[in-house]
Amino acid sequence: MWSSSVKTGSELSISGITAKQLAKDFGTPTFFIDEADFRARALAWNDALKEAFGDKAGTVYYASKAFSCTEVARWIKDLGIGIDVSTGGEMAVALAGGIDPKKIEVHGNNKSIAEIEKAISVGVETIVIDSMYEIDRVATAAAKAGKVQRVLLRLTPGIEAHTHESIATAHEDVKFGFSIASGAAWVAITAVHKQSSLELRGFHAHIGSQIFGFESFEILAERFVTFLAKYRDEFKKELPELDLGGGYGIAYLESDVTVVPRDAMQALANAVKKHCAAFNLEVPTVSIEPGRAIVGPTMFTLYEVGTVKDVTLENGTHRRYISVDGGMSDNIRPSLYGAEYTTILANRTSSAAHTSSRLVGKHCETGDIIIREIDLPEDIVPGDLLAVPATGAYGRSMASNYNHVPRPSVVAVKDGKARVIVRRESIEDLLALDI
């Protein structure tokens, strides 16, 4: 839930720097990311993939949609892993960070022609095709550039992952990929084979996000290997690659359990190898795309309390509303998905009794709620600092300027030193696009 260098004793600290000092130096709200912890988590997934699959280990593509900036892209480059991008903007950040295009995988259900042409021109290793239109677009762009582009087909395996509807992506009624059950996947394969500027390397799937347990991934392996066998029988050759996506869950609450990379990869490898043996197939090269599982726990958000208000409910009970200087503009997940978080008083120790509280933001929405129900010390007052852990995934990346609130800065902390890697927006930034 917290990164490895965070201490939560009398006062929260990260790498030895206290919450009060962080607030003084960088203001609030601010995202603080533990650089050493990020690097360690990324390497843990890379090591686990290699250990489980041996010479059939593909690439760990960091899912940049979780959180991306130029400095994080530099870390990815240093670590030697890959990066998954789904827009031209994410690709631009990856390239600005110096990542080798051969370590870039391009996703997206509606890639523009300009995005496709840019990807091919810089030499990205793989483009994941998501529609029949994209087959023609990628083929045309590759032919125009005089290249043969490696592609994967994103398939919909018909798996109902046990997660929120908005982040489940592998059942039939979604915008992503080609359905195996309906036959659309086979039509796409035939269409790719007609294009001399495309090289079909294999298949891709992403079954959803924040998934615990390995059953869904084992079913995915079975269905994909079965489909690889069908391909082998039809075309008398085997496809060499599978990308089985990400979506591994992390802890947001004390009661949550984070998926362990080694356990996850071993379960996946066991399933892939078992089903390949059943069909007499060579084990393909397997790649994965963890994003949240790497960056989620490495970051926390520090807020300052602005107001405290007690409300009497119709049944006579009381609730305390604690308003902070951020909210749905820096963490939309509670409003969008009903995501649950926790928080702690970060600047001091309190021996006061706890009271039923609701942590809310400063925006003009009743739904601007960070934590719907939590017991917090009843002596919390304006000026106190509250820290919300595990905000690395989709906090800053989905942040908005709702109510014209500037987006927070991101500060990297390592070895007792803190530095801004994404600066806080200013009022001048907000006005800069107005004509």
Protein backbone atom coordinates (compact mmCIF):
# COMPACT_ATOMS: atom_id res chain seq x y z
CA MET A 1 0.00 0.00 0.00
CA TRP A 2 2.87 2.35 0.85
CA SER A 3 6.22 2.39 -0.94
CA SER A 4 9.21 0.83 0.77
CA SER A 5 10.79 4.06 2.03
CA VAL A 6 7.61 5.49 3.60
CA LYS A 7 7.43 5.48 7.40
CA THR A 8 4.10 6.11 9.10
CA GLY A 9 5.01 6.55 12.77
CA SER A 10 4.54 9.81 14.64
CA GLU A 11 4.78 11.71 11.35
CA LEU A 12 4.78 10.35 7.83
CA SER A 13 8.10 10.49 6.04
CA ILE A 14 9.50 9.22 2.75
CA SER A 15 13.21 8.48 2.44
CA GLY A 16 13.63 10.35 5.72
CA ILE A 17 11.86 13.56 4.62
CA THR A 18 8.86 14.45 6.78
CA ALA A 19 5.41 15.36 5.51
CA LYS A 20 5.68 18.83 7.01
CA GLN A 21 8.95 19.44 5.18
CA LEU A 22 7.50 18.13 1.92
CA ALA A 23 4.48 20.41 2.23
CA LYS A 24 6.70 23.39 3.04
CA ASP A 25 9.04 22.75 0.10
CA PHE A 26 6.55 21.70 -2.56
CA GLY A 27 3.07 22.72 -1.45
CA THR A 28 -0.12 20.68 -1.62
CA PRO A 29 -1.71 18.79 -3.18
CA THR A 30 1.35 17.00 -4.52
CA PHE A 31 2.09 13.49 -5.74
CA PHE A 32 5.27 12.04 -4.21
CA ILE A 33 6.84 9.09 -6.04
CA ASP A 34 9.47 6.80 -4.55
CA GLU A 35 11.99 6.38 -7.35
CA ALA A 36 13.89 3.45 -5.84
CA ASP A 37 10.63 1.63 -5.14
CA PHE A 38 9.44 2.19 -8.74
CA ARG A 39 12.66 0.75 -10.10
CA ALA A 40 12.54 -2.23 -7.75
CA ARG A 41 8.95 -3.10 -8.67
CA ALA A 42 9.67 -2.86 -12.41
CA LEU A 43 12.69 -5.14 -12.06
CA ALA A 44 10.70 -7.59 -9.92
CA TRP A 45 8.23 -8.09 -12.78
CA ASN A 46 11.05 -8.38 -15.31
CA ASP A 47 12.92 -10.92 -13.18
CA ALA A 48 9.74 -12.90 -12.53
CA LEU A 49 8.93 -13.11 -16.26
CA LYS A 50 12.45 -14.34 -17.05
CA GLU A 51 12.44 -16.84 -14.20
CA ALA A 52 9.08 -18.29 -15.23
CA PHE A 53 9.53 -18.42 -19.00
CA GLY A 54 13.30 -18.70 -19.41
CA ASP A 55 14.34 -18.18 -23.04
CA LYS A 56 10.67 -17.68 -23.92
CA ALA A 57 10.42 -14.56 -21.78
CA GLY A 58 9.43 -11.62 -23.92
CA THR A 59 9.27 -7.99 -22.83
CA VAL A 60 7.85 -6.33 -19.77
CA TYR A 61 6.09 -3.32 -21.31
CA TYR A 62 5.37 -0.70 -18.66
CA ALA A 63 1.78 0.44 -19.28
CA SER A 64 2.38 4.17 -19.51
CA LYS A 65 -1.31 5.05 -19.26
CA ALA A 66 -1.03 4.42 -15.50
CA PHE A 67 1.39 7.33 -15.18
CA SER A 68 3.89 8.71 -17.61
CA CYS A 69 6.29 11.63 -17.77
CA THR A 70 9.67 12.17 -19.37
CA GLU A 71 11.61 11.38 -16.20
CA VAL A 72 9.77 8.09 -15.66
CA ALA A 73 10.51 7.24 -19.30
CA ARG A 74 14.19 7.78 -18.50
CA TRP A 75 13.89 5.29 -15.62
CA ILE A 76 12.29 2.80 -18.02
CA LYS A 77 15.18 3.29 -20.43
CA ASP A 78 17.72 2.77 -17.65
CA LEU A 79 15.99 -0.43 -16.53
CA GLY A 80 16.03 -1.85 -20.05
CA ILE A 81 12.37 -2.85 -20.11
CA GLY A 82 9.79 -1.77 -22.68
CA ILE A 83 6.90 0.67 -22.65
CA ASP A 84 3.34 0.40 -23.90
CA VAL A 85 1.77 3.54 -25.38
CA SER A 86 -1.74 4.07 -26.67
CA THR A 87 -1.66 7.62 -28.06
CA GLY A 88 0.65 9.93 -29.90
CA GLY A 89 1.16 11.87 -26.68
CA GLU A 90 2.30 8.83 -24.73
CA MET A 91 4.61 7.89 -27.59
CA ALA A 92 6.08 11.40 -27.61
CA VAL A 93 6.85 11.15 -23.88
CA ALA A 94 8.51 7.75 -24.35
CA LEU A 95 10.67 9.07 -27.16
CA ALA A 96 11.52 12.24 -25.21
CA GLY A 97 12.76 10.00 -22.40
CA GLY A 98 15.13 8.30 -24.80
CA ILE A 99 13.45 4.90 -24.97
CA ASP A 100 14.59 2.83 -27.95
CA PRO A 101 11.63 2.59 -30.38
CA LYS A 102 12.28 -1.16 -30.54
CA LYS A 103 11.18 -1.23 -26.88
CA ILE A 104 7.90 0.56 -27.66
CA GLU A 105 4.60 -1.22 -28.25
CA VAL A 106 1.72 0.85 -29.67
CA HIS A 107 -1.86 0.22 -28.58
CA GLY A 108 -5.18 2.02 -28.95
CA ASN A 109 -8.60 1.24 -30.37
CA ASN A 110 -8.67 4.32 -32.63
CA LYS A 111 -5.14 5.19 -33.70
CA SER A 112 -5.05 8.13 -36.09
CA ILE A 113 -3.24 7.83 -39.39
CA ALA A 114 -0.74 10.40 -38.12
CA GLU A 115 -0.07 8.31 -34.99
CA ILE A 116 0.40 5.16 -37.07
CA GLU A 117 2.74 6.89 -39.51
CA LYS A 118 4.77 8.35 -36.65
CA ALA A 119 5.11 4.96 -34.98
CA ILE A 120 6.30 3.32 -38.18
CA SER A 121 8.64 6.18 -39.08
CA VAL A 122 10.49 6.02 -35.73
CA GLY A 123 10.71 2.23 -35.92
CA VAL A 124 8.50 0.92 -33.12
CA GLU A 125 8.83 -2.82 -32.68
CA THR A 126 5.16 -3.76 -32.52
CA ILE A 127 1.79 -2.25 -33.34
CA VAL A 128 -1.24 -3.94 -31.79
CA ILE A 129 -4.06 -3.84 -34.35
CA ASP A 130 -7.55 -3.31 -32.96
CA SER A 131 -9.91 -3.06 -35.97
CA MET A 132 -10.29 -3.93 -39.64
CA TYR A 133 -9.71 -0.29 -40.53
CA GLU A 134 -6.36 -0.40 -38.76
CA ILE A 135 -5.22 -3.35 -40.81
CA ASP A 136 -5.50 -1.22 -43.92
CA ARG A 137 -4.11 1.90 -42.25
CA VAL A 138 -1.03 0.20 -40.81
CA ALA A 139 -0.40 -1.72 -44.04
CA THR A 140 -0.67 1.46 -46.13
CA ALA A 141 1.62 3.43 -43.81
CA ALA A 142 4.19 0.61 -43.73
CA ALA A 143 4.17 0.25 -47.51
CA LYS A 144 4.55 4.02 -47.89
CA ALA A 145 7.61 3.88 -45.60
CA GLY A 146 9.01 0.86 -47.42
CA LYS A 147 8.84 -1.31 -44.31
CA VAL A 148 7.30 -4.56 -43.15
CA GLN A 149 5.67 -3.77 -39.81
CA ARG A 150 5.41 -6.35 -37.05
CA VAL A 151 1.88 -6.52 -35.65
CA LEU A 152 -0.17 -8.34 -33.06
CA LEU A 153 -3.93 -8.71 -33.25
CA ARG A 154 -5.80 -7.74 -30.12
CA LEU A 155 -8.31 -10.50 -29.48
CA THR A 156 -11.33 -10.58 -27.21
CA PRO A 157 -11.26 -13.98 -25.49
CA GLY A 158 -14.69 -13.67 -23.86
CA ILE A 159 -13.51 -13.64 -20.25
CA GLU A 160 -15.57 -11.93 -17.55
CA ALA A 161 -12.83 -10.62 -15.27
CA HIS A 162 -13.93 -10.00 -11.68
CA THR A 163 -13.44 -6.24 -11.59
CA HIS A 164 -15.40 -3.04 -12.16
CA GLU A 165 -17.33 -2.89 -15.45
CA SER A 166 -15.45 0.22 -16.61
CA ILE A 167 -12.07 -1.53 -16.37
CA ALA A 168 -13.05 -4.99 -17.59
CA THR A 169 -11.90 -5.27 -21.20
CA ALA A 170 -12.04 -8.87 -22.40
CA HIS A 171 -15.73 -9.80 -22.50
CA GLU A 172 -17.64 -9.64 -25.77
CA ASP A 173 -19.48 -6.32 -25.40
CA VAL A 174 -16.48 -3.96 -25.41
CA LYS A 175 -14.86 -1.58 -27.88
CA PHE A 176 -11.52 -3.42 -27.91
CA GLY A 177 -10.20 -6.10 -30.22
CA PHE A 178 -11.52 -8.91 -32.39
CA SER A 179 -13.86 -11.49 -30.89
CA ILE A 180 -12.73 -15.10 -30.99
CA ALA A 181 -16.26 -16.46 -30.43
CA SER A 182 -17.91 -14.50 -33.23
CA GLY A 183 -15.27 -15.35 -35.81
CA ALA A 184 -14.08 -11.75 -36.17
CA ALA A 185 -10.58 -12.76 -35.09
CA TRP A 186 -10.26 -15.24 -37.93
CA VAL A 187 -11.47 -12.67 -40.45
CA ALA A 188 -8.78 -10.27 -39.17
CA ILE A 189 -6.08 -12.93 -39.53
CA THR A 190 -7.06 -13.53 -43.14
CA ALA A 191 -7.01 -9.80 -43.85
CA VAL A 192 -3.53 -9.34 -42.35
CA HIS A 193 -2.17 -12.21 -44.46
CA LYS A 194 -3.24 -10.35 -47.59
CA GLN A 195 -1.00 -7.41 -46.72
CA SER A 196 2.63 -7.86 -47.78
CA SER A 197 3.71 -4.92 -45.61
CA LEU A 198 2.51 -6.59 -42.40
CA GLU A 199 4.06 -9.45 -40.43
CA LEU A 200 1.66 -11.12 -38.02
CA ARG A 201 3.64 -12.14 -34.96
CA GLY A 202 0.85 -13.30 -32.68
CA PHE A 203 -2.00 -12.21 -30.44
CA HIS A 204 -2.63 -9.79 -27.63
CA ALA A 205 -5.23 -9.50 -24.89
CA HIS A 206 -5.84 -7.38 -21.83
CA ILE A 207 -8.62 -8.78 -19.67
CA GLY A 208 -9.04 -5.84 -17.30
CA SER A 209 -7.51 -4.02 -14.37
CA GLN A 210 -7.16 -4.53 -10.62
CA ILE A 211 -7.57 -8.32 -10.87
CA PHE A 212 -6.66 -10.64 -7.99
CA GLY A 213 -6.10 -14.36 -8.32
CA PHE A 214 -4.84 -16.09 -11.43
CA GLU A 215 -7.89 -17.98 -12.71
CA SER A 216 -8.75 -15.39 -15.38
CA PHE A 217 -5.18 -15.38 -16.69
CA GLU A 218 -5.10 -19.18 -16.78
CA ILE A 219 -8.33 -19.21 -18.81
CA LEU A 220 -6.81 -16.59 -21.11
CA ALA A 221 -3.74 -18.78 -21.65
CA GLU A 222 -5.91 -21.79 -22.47
CA ARG A 223 -8.04 -19.91 -25.01
CA PHE A 224 -5.08 -18.26 -26.69
CA VAL A 225 -3.08 -21.46 -26.96
CA THR A 226 -6.13 -23.21 -28.39
CA PHE A 227 -6.37 -20.43 -30.97
CA LEU A 228 -2.65 -20.72 -31.75
CA ALA A 229 -3.20 -24.40 -32.44
CA LYS A 230 -6.07 -23.61 -34.79
CA TYR A 231 -3.80 -21.17 -36.61
CA ARG A 232 -1.04 -23.81 -36.86
CA ASP A 233 -3.42 -26.37 -38.26
CA GLU A 234 -4.78 -23.94 -40.85
CA PHE A 235 -1.56 -22.26 -42.02
CA LYS A 236 0.97 -25.03 -41.26
CA LYS A 237 3.16 -22.72 -39.20
CA GLU A 238 3.21 -21.44 -35.63
CA LEU A 239 2.97 -17.85 -34.47
CA PRO A 240 5.88 -16.97 -32.18
CA GLU A 241 4.44 -14.38 -29.75
CA LEU A 242 1.73 -13.75 -27.17
CA ASP A 243 1.20 -10.58 -25.19
CA LEU A 244 -1.03 -11.40 -22.23
CA GLY A 245 -1.45 -7.85 -20.96
CA GLY A 246 -1.50 -6.68 -17.37
CA GLY A 247 -4.16 -5.81 -14.84
CA TYR A 248 -2.59 -7.35 -11.74
CA GLY A 249 -4.12 -5.93 -8.57
CA ILE A 250 -2.49 -3.85 -5.85
CA ALA A 251 -3.45 -3.00 -2.27
CA TYR A 252 -5.40 0.21 -1.72
CA LEU A 253 -6.67 -0.72 1.74
CA GLU A 254 -5.11 -2.53 4.70
CA SER A 255 -7.31 -5.54 3.91
CA ASP A 256 -6.16 -5.76 0.27
CA VAL A 257 -3.43 -8.10 -0.95
CA THR A 258 -0.97 -7.11 -3.67
CA VAL A 259 -0.31 -9.65 -6.43
CA VAL A 260 3.24 -11.02 -6.12
CA PRO A 261 5.10 -10.92 -9.48
CA ARG A 262 6.82 -14.30 -9.05
CA ASP A 263 3.54 -16.05 -8.15
CA ALA A 264 1.69 -14.44 -11.04
CA MET A 265 4.30 -15.28 -13.65
CA GLN A 266 4.75 -18.84 -12.44
CA ALA A 267 0.99 -19.45 -12.64
CA LEU A 268 0.91 -17.95 -16.13
CA ALA A 269 3.90 -19.99 -17.31
CA ASN A 270 2.44 -23.19 -15.93
CA ALA A 271 -0.81 -22.61 -17.83
CA VAL A 272 0.86 -21.66 -21.12
CA LYS A 273 3.29 -24.58 -21.02
CA LYS A 274 0.59 -27.10 -20.06
CA HIS A 275 -1.72 -26.14 -22.92
CA CYS A 276 1.11 -25.89 -25.46
CA ALA A 277 2.12 -29.43 -24.54
CA ALA A 278 -1.46 -30.62 -24.98
CA PHE A 279 -1.51 -29.25 -28.55
CA ASN A 280 2.10 -30.16 -29.34
CA LEU A 281 2.95 -26.49 -29.81
CA GLU A 282 6.25 -24.77 -29.15
CA VAL A 283 5.91 -22.35 -26.23
CA PRO A 284 5.66 -18.83 -27.70
CA THR A 285 7.53 -15.81 -26.45
CA VAL A 286 5.32 -14.23 -23.79
CA SER A 287 5.22 -10.51 -22.94
CA ILE A 288 3.23 -8.69 -20.25
CA GLU A 289 2.11 -5.11 -19.53
CA PRO A 290 2.09 -4.21 -15.83
CA GLY A 291 1.38 -0.54 -15.11
CA ARG A 292 -0.59 -0.11 -11.91
CA ALA A 293 1.36 -2.99 -10.35
CA ILE A 294 4.58 -1.01 -10.81
CA VAL A 295 3.65 2.62 -10.22
CA GLY A 296 0.53 2.36 -8.05
CA PRO A 297 2.11 1.74 -4.63
CA THR A 298 5.18 3.90 -5.35
CA MET A 299 3.24 7.16 -5.01
CA PHE A 300 1.07 8.93 -2.45
CA THR A 301 -0.83 12.22 -2.51
CA LEU A 302 -0.34 14.80 0.22
CA TYR A 303 -3.26 17.16 0.91
CA GLU A 304 -3.86 20.03 3.32
CA VAL A 305 -7.13 20.18 5.22
CA GLY A 306 -9.09 23.33 4.41
CA THR A 307 -12.37 22.96 6.33
CA VAL A 308 -14.02 20.55 8.76
CA LYS A 309 -17.82 20.38 8.96
CA ASP A 310 -20.13 18.23 11.09
CA VAL A 311 -23.41 17.17 9.48
CA THR A 312 -26.41 15.66 11.28
CA LEU A 313 -28.12 13.00 9.18
CA GLU A 314 -31.85 12.21 9.05
CA ASN A 315 -31.45 9.23 11.36
CA GLY A 316 -29.80 11.41 13.98
CA THR A 317 -26.28 10.19 13.39
CA HIS A 318 -23.40 12.50 12.61
CA ARG A 319 -20.79 12.58 9.87
CA ARG A 320 -17.76 14.80 9.69
CA TYR A 321 -16.84 16.22 6.28
CA ILE A 322 -13.12 16.93 5.93
CA SER A 323 -12.36 19.01 2.85
CA VAL A 324 -8.89 19.08 1.32
CA ASP A 325 -7.25 21.21 -1.35
CA GLY A 326 -7.61 18.65 -4.14
CA GLY A 327 -10.25 16.06 -4.98
CA MET A 328 -11.73 14.69 -8.16
CA SER A 329 -9.38 16.80 -10.29
CA ASP A 330 -6.40 14.76 -9.05
CA ASN A 331 -8.17 11.47 -8.26
CA ILE A 332 -11.27 10.75 -10.35
CA ARG A 333 -11.28 7.02 -9.59
CA PRO A 334 -13.60 7.12 -6.54
CA SER A 335 -16.19 9.07 -8.55
CA LEU A 336 -15.68 7.10 -11.76
CA TYR A 337 -15.28 3.54 -10.46
CA GLY A 338 -16.25 3.69 -6.81
CA ALA A 339 -12.58 3.02 -6.03
CA GLU A 340 -11.70 2.85 -2.35
CA TYR A 341 -8.74 4.51 -0.65
CA THR A 342 -7.54 5.11 2.87
CA THR A 343 -5.72 8.05 4.46
CA ILE A 344 -3.69 8.91 7.53
CA LEU A 345 -2.96 12.07 9.47
CA ALA A 346 0.53 12.79 8.17
CA ASN A 347 1.91 15.76 10.11
CA ARG A 348 1.44 14.68 13.73
CA THR A 349 0.27 12.00 16.12
CA SER A 350 -3.25 12.21 17.53
CA SER A 351 -4.60 10.45 20.60
CA ALA A 352 -8.10 11.79 20.02
CA ALA A 353 -11.07 9.49 19.57
CA HIS A 354 -11.96 8.58 16.01
CA THR A 355 -15.16 9.72 14.36
CA SER A 356 -17.04 8.75 11.21
CA SER A 357 -15.66 10.97 8.48
CA ARG A 358 -15.89 11.59 4.76
CA LEU A 359 -12.85 12.93 2.89
CA VAL A 360 -13.95 15.29 0.13
CA GLY A 361 -12.42 17.68 -2.37
CA LYS A 362 -12.95 21.34 -3.16
CA HIS A 363 -14.94 20.95 -6.38
CA CYS A 364 -18.53 21.95 -7.05
CA GLU A 365 -19.84 18.39 -7.15
CA THR A 366 -21.57 16.36 -4.45
CA GLY A 367 -19.76 13.36 -5.88
CA ASP A 368 -16.36 14.94 -5.28
CA ILE A 369 -15.50 12.30 -2.68
CA ILE A 370 -12.06 10.81 -2.13
CA ILE A 371 -13.03 8.46 0.70
CA ARG A 372 -16.71 7.86 1.37
CA GLU A 373 -16.42 6.41 4.88
CA ILE A 374 -13.43 6.36 7.20
CA ASP A 375 -12.83 6.81 10.92
CA LEU A 376 -10.38 9.66 11.52
CA PRO A 377 -9.22 11.52 14.66
CA GLU A 378 -11.86 14.01 15.75
CA ASP A 379 -9.23 16.69 16.42
CA ILE A 380 -8.31 17.11 12.73
CA VAL A 381 -8.36 20.83 11.91
CA PRO A 382 -7.58 23.12 8.98
CA GLY A 383 -3.86 23.07 8.25
CA ASP A 384 -3.40 19.39 9.05
CA LEU A 385 -1.88 17.18 6.37
CA LEU A 386 -3.49 13.98 5.11
CA ALA A 387 -1.68 11.41 2.97
CA VAL A 388 -3.50 9.04 0.63
CA PRO A 389 -1.39 6.02 -0.41
CA ALA A 390 -1.30 4.10 -3.71
CA THR A 391 -2.23 7.00 -5.98
CA GLY A 392 0.46 6.34 -8.58
CA ALA A 393 -1.85 4.68 -11.08
CA TYR A 394 -4.33 6.93 -12.87
CA GLY A 395 -4.21 9.79 -10.34
CA ARG A 396 -2.05 12.31 -12.17
CA SER A 397 -2.60 10.66 -15.56
CA MET A 398 -6.39 11.16 -15.37
CA ALA A 399 -6.16 14.54 -13.62
CA SER A 400 -8.22 17.42 -14.99
CA ASN A 401 -8.62 21.16 -14.66
CA TYR A 402 -12.21 20.94 -13.48
CA ASN A 403 -13.24 24.24 -11.89
CA HIS A 404 -10.01 25.57 -13.42
CA VAL A 405 -7.95 23.99 -10.67
CA PRO A 406 -4.27 23.64 -11.68
CA ARG A 407 -3.05 20.05 -11.74
CA PRO A 408 -0.62 19.05 -8.96
CA SER A 409 3.10 18.58 -9.31
CA VAL A 410 4.87 15.23 -9.13
CA VAL A 411 7.96 15.04 -6.92
CA ALA A 412 10.43 12.16 -7.05
CA VAL A 413 12.13 11.17 -3.80
CA LYS A 414 15.29 9.09 -3.55
CA ASP A 415 18.14 8.79 -1.05
CA GLY A 416 16.81 11.56 1.16
CA LYS A 417 16.45 14.06 -1.68
CA ALA A 418 13.31 15.31 -3.41
CA ARG A 419 12.97 16.95 -6.82
CA VAL A 420 10.13 18.06 -9.06
CA ILE A 421 9.73 15.92 -12.17
CA VAL A 422 6.37 17.36 -13.27
CA ARG A 423 5.83 20.95 -12.18
CA ARG A 424 2.60 22.26 -10.73
CA GLU A 425 0.39 24.05 -13.22
CA SER A 426 -0.04 27.77 -12.74
CA ILE A 427 -2.85 30.19 -13.49
CA GLU A 428 -0.76 31.30 -16.46
CA ASP A 429 -0.84 27.70 -17.75
CA LEU A 430 -4.62 27.66 -17.45
CA LEU A 431 -4.93 30.87 -19.45
CA ALA A 432 -2.25 30.04 -22.02
CA LEU A 433 -4.58 28.24 -24.46
CA ASP A 434 -7.25 30.95 -24.45
CA ILE A 435 -7.32 33.12 -27.57
